[in-house]
Amino acid sequence: MTTIILLLVMGITLILSSNIFARFASSQNTPFGRANAKHPNATSMGPAVTGSIMIIAAILGIFGVFEPQ
């Protein structure tokens, strides 16, 4: 159960961190992608995709999909 909760929390954190970090990064390179003049809030989709997969894995874990038969 602890693993499921950690997956859920880390997935949500990854998605939120990429959105929050994009606001403060207007002209410099960021860990979440390169912001430029045309798209000042542009970030990489990596954290959002990884976070979404983690949340889906946590939801499947809640329903016992990953448990051995």
C-alpha atoms as a PDB file:
ATOM      1  CA  MET A   1       0.000   0.000   0.000  1.00  0.00           C
ATOM      2  CA  THR A   2       2.889   2.320   0.726  1.00  0.00           C
ATOM      3  CA  THR A   3       4.213   1.824  -2.798  1.00  0.00           C
ATOM      4  CA  ILE A   4       0.833   2.745  -4.282  1.00  0.00           C
ATOM      5  CA  ILE A   5       0.634   5.935  -2.218  1.00  0.00           C
ATOM      6  CA  LEU A   6       4.201   6.887  -3.162  1.00  0.00           C
ATOM      7  CA  LEU A   7       3.489   6.301  -6.865  1.00  0.00           C
ATOM      8  CA  LEU A   8       0.399   8.486  -6.662  1.00  0.00           C
ATOM      9  CA  VAL A   9       2.141  11.309  -4.790  1.00  0.00           C
ATOM     10  CA  MET A  10       5.243  11.287  -7.002  1.00  0.00           C
ATOM     11  CA  GLY A  11       3.141  11.225 -10.170  1.00  0.00           C
ATOM     12  CA  ILE A  12       1.109  14.234  -9.070  1.00  0.00           C
ATOM     13  CA  THR A  13       4.284  16.029  -7.978  1.00  0.00           C
ATOM     14  CA  LEU A  14       5.953  15.485 -11.363  1.00  0.00           C
ATOM     15  CA  ILE A  15       2.970  16.879 -13.249  1.00  0.00           C
ATOM     16  CA  LEU A  16       2.642  19.906 -10.973  1.00  0.00           C
ATOM     17  CA  SER A  17       6.378  20.632 -10.880  1.00  0.00           C
ATOM     18  CA  SER A  18       6.625  20.911 -14.651  1.00  0.00           C
ATOM     19  CA  ASN A  19       3.687  23.331 -14.722  1.00  0.00           C
ATOM     20  CA  ILE A  20       4.916  25.417 -11.794  1.00  0.00           C
ATOM     21  CA  PHE A  21       8.496  25.521 -13.062  1.00  0.00           C
ATOM     22  CA  ALA A  22       7.360  26.721 -16.498  1.00  0.00           C
ATOM     23  CA  ARG A  23       5.982  29.937 -14.991  1.00  0.00           C
ATOM     24  CA  PHE A  24       9.317  30.952 -13.508  1.00  0.00           C
ATOM     25  CA  ALA A  25      11.423  29.969 -16.516  1.00  0.00           C
ATOM     26  CA  SER A  26      11.085  32.635 -19.153  1.00  0.00           C
ATOM     27  CA  SER A  27      14.447  32.726 -20.900  1.00  0.00           C
ATOM     28  CA  GLN A  28      16.773  30.135 -19.386  1.00  0.00           C
ATOM     29  CA  ASN A  29      17.198  26.424 -19.908  1.00  0.00           C
ATOM     30  CA  THR A  30      15.333  24.395 -17.320  1.00  0.00           C
ATOM     31  CA  PRO A  31      15.486  20.759 -16.235  1.00  0.00           C
ATOM     32  CA  PHE A  32      12.062  20.337 -17.839  1.00  0.00           C
ATOM     33  CA  GLY A  33      12.973  21.645 -21.264  1.00  0.00           C
ATOM     34  CA  ARG A  34      14.250  24.739 -23.020  1.00  0.00           C
ATOM     35  CA  ALA A  35      12.118  27.851 -22.800  1.00  0.00           C
ATOM     36  CA  ASN A  36      12.473  30.274 -25.696  1.00  0.00           C
ATOM     37  CA  ALA A  37      11.125  33.649 -26.802  1.00  0.00           C
ATOM     38  CA  LYS A  38       8.330  32.254 -28.986  1.00  0.00           C
ATOM     39  CA  HIS A  39       6.961  29.972 -26.291  1.00  0.00           C
ATOM     40  CA  PRO A  40       8.072  31.293 -22.911  1.00  0.00           C
ATOM     41  CA  ASN A  41       6.114  28.638 -21.013  1.00  0.00           C
ATOM     42  CA  ALA A  42       7.171  25.721 -23.207  1.00  0.00           C
ATOM     43  CA  THR A  43       8.368  22.699 -21.267  1.00  0.00           C
ATOM     44  CA  SER A  44       9.194  19.119 -22.053  1.00  0.00           C
ATOM     45  CA  MET A  45       6.334  16.619 -21.946  1.00  0.00           C
ATOM     46  CA  GLY A  46       8.580  14.126 -20.134  1.00  0.00           C
ATOM     47  CA  PRO A  47       7.552  14.898 -16.542  1.00  0.00           C
ATOM     48  CA  ALA A  48       3.854  15.057 -17.428  1.00  0.00           C
ATOM     49  CA  VAL A  49       3.949  11.736 -19.270  1.00  0.00           C
ATOM     50  CA  THR A  50       5.998  10.041 -16.552  1.00  0.00           C
ATOM     51  CA  GLY A  51       3.691  11.398 -13.856  1.00  0.00           C
ATOM     52  CA  SER A  52       0.617  10.211 -15.731  1.00  0.00           C
ATOM     53  CA  ILE A  53       2.056   6.707 -16.073  1.00  0.00           C
ATOM     54  CA  MET A  54       2.851   6.651 -12.350  1.00  0.00           C
ATOM     55  CA  ILE A  55      -0.711   7.696 -11.473  1.00  0.00           C
ATOM     56  CA  ILE A  56      -2.167   5.031 -13.780  1.00  0.00           C
ATOM     57  CA  ALA A  57       0.111   2.419 -12.184  1.00  0.00           C
ATOM     58  CA  ALA A  58      -1.053   3.503  -8.719  1.00  0.00           C
ATOM     59  CA  ILE A  59      -4.724   3.254  -9.730  1.00  0.00           C
ATOM     60  CA  LEU A  60      -4.151  -0.218 -11.183  1.00  0.00           C
ATOM     61  CA  GLY A  61      -2.317  -1.167  -8.003  1.00  0.00           C
ATOM     62  CA  ILE A  62      -5.282  -0.076  -5.880  1.00  0.00           C
ATOM     63  CA  PHE A  63      -7.490  -2.508  -7.796  1.00  0.00           C
ATOM     64  CA  GLY A  64      -4.932  -5.293  -7.386  1.00  0.00           C
ATOM     65  CA  VAL A  65      -3.970  -5.683 -11.028  1.00  0.00           C
ATOM     66  CA  PHE A  66      -0.284  -6.174 -10.207  1.00  0.00           C
ATOM     67  CA  GLU A  67      -0.767  -8.742  -7.441  1.00  0.00           C
ATOM     68  CA  PRO A  68       0.332 -12.321  -8.114  1.00  0.00           C
ATOM     69  CA  GLN A  69      -2.412 -14.877  -8.583  1.00  0.00           C
END
